[in-house]
Structures are given as structure tokens and as C-alpha cells.
Amino acid sequence: MAINRIKFYRMTARMSQVELARQIGKSVPALSAFENGKARPSLATLQRISQVLGCSIDELASDFPLKAAQ
């Protein structure tokens, strides 16, 4: 997974780490570790993140460049 994809989509959704962590049932430090590439989320967690952020797992895991937030 490309580093910062989760953060990019979270910020595009104008969501705080606290809010996303709560909605996916993880701690803020765990979410921060996912965003910084220090830990990898499980497939179930990745599915939940994609549901909450309204993007696909492919978008979170893609190595293609990100589009600028609108």
C-alpha cells in the first residue's frame, strides 16, 4: 500500500484521525501507524476504512499518483 493513501482520503473527506479511528474501531495511534506506513491494516480493517471514506480498497492500495483534493 502506498504511504499516505489513507491520510489523503481521510483529509479529502474532512475527517479527523479521532473520528475515523472511532468509526473503524481502532485507536488513534493504530490509525496513525497505518497512515505513516509503520503498520499494515488487516483486510477487514482496510474494507472498513474504504467504506467509511467512500473509496475502494484498490484506491487505498494503488501505486498510481493521487489526484489533487478538490
N, C-alpha and C. Protein backbone atom coordinates (compact mmCIF):
# COMPACT_ATOMS: atom_id res chain seq x y z
N MET A 1 0.84 -1.18 0.00
CA MET A 1 0.00 0.00 0.00
C MET A 1 0.88 1.23 0.00
N ALA A 2 0.55 2.17 -0.83
CA ALA A 2 1.30 3.42 -0.88
C ALA A 2 1.08 4.19 0.42
N ILE A 3 2.17 4.74 0.93
CA ILE A 3 2.08 5.50 2.18
C ILE A 3 1.25 6.76 1.95
N ASN A 4 0.47 7.11 2.92
CA ASN A 4 -0.36 8.32 2.96
C ASN A 4 -1.67 8.22 2.17
N ARG A 5 -1.99 7.08 1.57
CA ARG A 5 -3.27 6.95 0.87
C ARG A 5 -4.44 7.11 1.84
N ILE A 6 -4.35 6.45 2.98
CA ILE A 6 -5.44 6.55 3.96
C ILE A 6 -5.57 8.00 4.41
N LYS A 7 -4.45 8.63 4.70
CA LYS A 7 -4.47 10.03 5.13
C LYS A 7 -5.07 10.93 4.05
N PHE A 8 -4.67 10.71 2.79
CA PHE A 8 -5.20 11.51 1.69
C PHE A 8 -6.72 11.43 1.63
N TYR A 9 -7.26 10.22 1.64
CA TYR A 9 -8.71 10.07 1.54
C TYR A 9 -9.42 10.54 2.81
N ARG A 10 -8.78 10.39 3.97
CA ARG A 10 -9.37 10.90 5.22
C ARG A 10 -9.45 12.42 5.16
N MET A 11 -8.39 13.06 4.72
CA MET A 11 -8.39 14.52 4.65
C MET A 11 -9.34 15.03 3.57
N THR A 12 -9.43 14.31 2.46
CA THR A 12 -10.38 14.67 1.40
C THR A 12 -11.81 14.62 1.95
N ALA A 13 -12.07 13.66 2.84
CA ALA A 13 -13.39 13.53 3.46
C ALA A 13 -13.56 14.50 4.64
N ARG A 14 -12.53 15.31 4.91
CA ARG A 14 -12.55 16.28 6.01
C ARG A 14 -12.87 15.60 7.34
N MET A 15 -12.15 14.53 7.59
CA MET A 15 -12.37 13.74 8.79
C MET A 15 -11.09 13.75 9.62
N SER A 16 -11.25 13.86 10.92
CA SER A 16 -10.08 13.82 11.81
C SER A 16 -9.65 12.37 12.04
N GLN A 17 -8.44 12.21 12.54
CA GLN A 17 -7.98 10.87 12.89
C GLN A 17 -8.86 10.28 13.98
N VAL A 18 -9.26 11.11 14.93
CA VAL A 18 -10.10 10.64 16.03
C VAL A 18 -11.42 10.09 15.49
N GLU A 19 -12.03 10.83 14.58
CA GLU A 19 -13.32 10.41 14.02
C GLU A 19 -13.19 9.12 13.21
N LEU A 20 -12.18 9.04 12.34
CA LEU A 20 -12.02 7.83 11.54
C LEU A 20 -11.67 6.64 12.42
N ALA A 21 -10.78 6.83 13.37
CA ALA A 21 -10.41 5.73 14.27
C ALA A 21 -11.64 5.20 15.00
N ARG A 22 -12.48 6.10 15.48
CA ARG A 22 -13.70 5.68 16.18
C ARG A 22 -14.60 4.88 15.25
N GLN A 23 -14.76 5.35 14.02
CA GLN A 23 -15.68 4.68 13.09
C GLN A 23 -15.17 3.32 12.62
N ILE A 24 -13.86 3.12 12.63
CA ILE A 24 -13.33 1.81 12.21
C ILE A 24 -13.00 0.92 13.39
N GLY A 25 -13.19 1.42 14.60
CA GLY A 25 -12.97 0.61 15.79
C GLY A 25 -11.50 0.40 16.14
N LYS A 26 -10.67 1.38 15.80
CA LYS A 26 -9.24 1.30 16.10
C LYS A 26 -8.83 2.51 16.92
N SER A 27 -7.66 2.42 17.55
CA SER A 27 -7.14 3.56 18.31
C SER A 27 -6.52 4.58 17.36
N VAL A 28 -6.39 5.81 17.83
CA VAL A 28 -5.74 6.85 17.03
C VAL A 28 -4.28 6.47 16.73
N PRO A 29 -3.52 5.95 17.72
CA PRO A 29 -2.15 5.54 17.39
C PRO A 29 -2.10 4.44 16.31
N ALA A 30 -3.05 3.52 16.32
CA ALA A 30 -3.08 2.47 15.29
C ALA A 30 -3.35 3.09 13.92
N LEU A 31 -4.31 4.00 13.84
CA LEU A 31 -4.61 4.67 12.58
C LEU A 31 -3.40 5.47 12.10
N SER A 32 -2.76 6.16 13.00
CA SER A 32 -1.56 6.93 12.66
C SER A 32 -0.48 6.01 12.09
N ALA A 33 -0.32 4.84 12.68
CA ALA A 33 0.67 3.88 12.19
C ALA A 33 0.31 3.40 10.78
N PHE A 34 -0.98 3.20 10.50
CA PHE A 34 -1.41 2.82 9.15
C PHE A 34 -1.06 3.94 8.17
N GLU A 35 -1.38 5.18 8.55
CA GLU A 35 -1.16 6.32 7.67
C GLU A 35 0.32 6.56 7.39
N ASN A 36 1.17 6.26 8.35
CA ASN A 36 2.61 6.52 8.22
C ASN A 36 3.40 5.32 7.72
N GLY A 37 2.71 4.23 7.42
CA GLY A 37 3.37 3.05 6.89
C GLY A 37 4.13 2.24 7.92
N LYS A 38 3.89 2.51 9.20
CA LYS A 38 4.57 1.76 10.26
C LYS A 38 3.86 0.46 10.60
N ALA A 39 2.61 0.34 10.18
CA ALA A 39 1.81 -0.87 10.38
C ALA A 39 0.89 -1.03 9.18
N ARG A 40 0.49 -2.26 8.94
CA ARG A 40 -0.44 -2.53 7.83
C ARG A 40 -1.78 -2.97 8.40
N PRO A 41 -2.86 -2.37 7.92
CA PRO A 41 -4.18 -2.80 8.40
C PRO A 41 -4.52 -4.17 7.83
N SER A 42 -5.34 -4.90 8.57
CA SER A 42 -5.84 -6.18 8.06
C SER A 42 -6.79 -5.90 6.90
N LEU A 43 -7.12 -6.93 6.15
CA LEU A 43 -8.06 -6.76 5.04
C LEU A 43 -9.40 -6.27 5.56
N ALA A 44 -9.86 -6.80 6.68
CA ALA A 44 -11.14 -6.37 7.26
C ALA A 44 -11.09 -4.90 7.64
N THR A 45 -9.99 -4.46 8.22
CA THR A 45 -9.84 -3.05 8.59
C THR A 45 -9.78 -2.18 7.34
N LEU A 46 -9.06 -2.62 6.33
CA LEU A 46 -8.98 -1.88 5.07
C LEU A 46 -10.35 -1.76 4.42
N GLN A 47 -11.15 -2.82 4.49
CA GLN A 47 -12.52 -2.76 3.96
C GLN A 47 -13.34 -1.73 4.72
N ARG A 48 -13.21 -1.72 6.03
CA ARG A 48 -13.97 -0.77 6.85
C ARG A 48 -13.53 0.66 6.55
N ILE A 49 -12.24 0.89 6.43
CA ILE A 49 -11.73 2.23 6.10
C ILE A 49 -12.30 2.68 4.76
N SER A 50 -12.28 1.80 3.77
CA SER A 50 -12.79 2.18 2.45
C SER A 50 -14.28 2.48 2.49
N GLN A 51 -15.04 1.74 3.29
CA GLN A 51 -16.48 2.01 3.42
C GLN A 51 -16.71 3.38 4.05
N VAL A 52 -16.00 3.66 5.12
CA VAL A 52 -16.19 4.92 5.84
C VAL A 52 -15.77 6.11 4.97
N LEU A 53 -14.67 5.96 4.24
CA LEU A 53 -14.15 7.07 3.44
C LEU A 53 -14.77 7.16 2.05
N GLY A 54 -15.57 6.17 1.68
CA GLY A 54 -16.25 6.22 0.39
C GLY A 54 -15.32 6.02 -0.80
N CYS A 55 -14.32 5.18 -0.63
CA CYS A 55 -13.42 4.87 -1.74
C CYS A 55 -13.24 3.35 -1.77
N SER A 56 -12.60 2.87 -2.81
CA SER A 56 -12.41 1.42 -2.93
C SER A 56 -11.09 1.01 -2.27
N ILE A 57 -10.99 -0.28 -1.98
CA ILE A 57 -9.73 -0.81 -1.46
C ILE A 57 -8.64 -0.60 -2.50
N ASP A 58 -8.98 -0.74 -3.77
CA ASP A 58 -8.00 -0.52 -4.84
C ASP A 58 -7.44 0.90 -4.79
N GLU A 59 -8.30 1.88 -4.53
CA GLU A 59 -7.82 3.27 -4.43
C GLU A 59 -6.87 3.44 -3.25
N LEU A 60 -7.14 2.76 -2.15
CA LEU A 60 -6.27 2.87 -0.98
C LEU A 60 -4.93 2.17 -1.22
N ALA A 61 -4.94 1.10 -2.00
CA ALA A 61 -3.74 0.29 -2.19
C ALA A 61 -2.98 0.60 -3.48
N SER A 62 -3.53 1.44 -4.32
CA SER A 62 -2.93 1.73 -5.62
C SER A 62 -1.59 2.45 -5.49
N ASP A 63 -0.72 2.20 -6.45
CA ASP A 63 0.56 2.91 -6.51
C ASP A 63 0.54 4.06 -7.51
N PHE A 64 -0.62 4.31 -8.12
CA PHE A 64 -0.72 5.42 -9.06
C PHE A 64 -0.76 6.74 -8.30
N PRO A 65 -0.31 7.83 -8.92
CA PRO A 65 -0.33 9.14 -8.24
C PRO A 65 -1.74 9.55 -7.83
N LEU A 66 -1.82 10.25 -6.72
CA LEU A 66 -3.10 10.73 -6.23
C LEU A 66 -3.52 11.97 -6.98
N LYS A 67 -4.82 12.13 -7.19
CA LYS A 67 -5.36 13.36 -7.76
C LYS A 67 -5.42 14.40 -6.66
N ALA A 68 -5.28 15.64 -7.01
CA ALA A 68 -5.37 16.71 -6.01
C ALA A 68 -6.77 16.76 -5.44
N ALA A 69 -6.87 17.02 -4.15
CA ALA A 69 -8.18 17.14 -3.49
C ALA A 69 -8.89 18.36 -4.05
N GLN A 70 -10.19 18.21 -4.23
CA GLN A 70 -10.97 19.32 -4.77
C GLN A 70 -11.76 19.99 -3.69
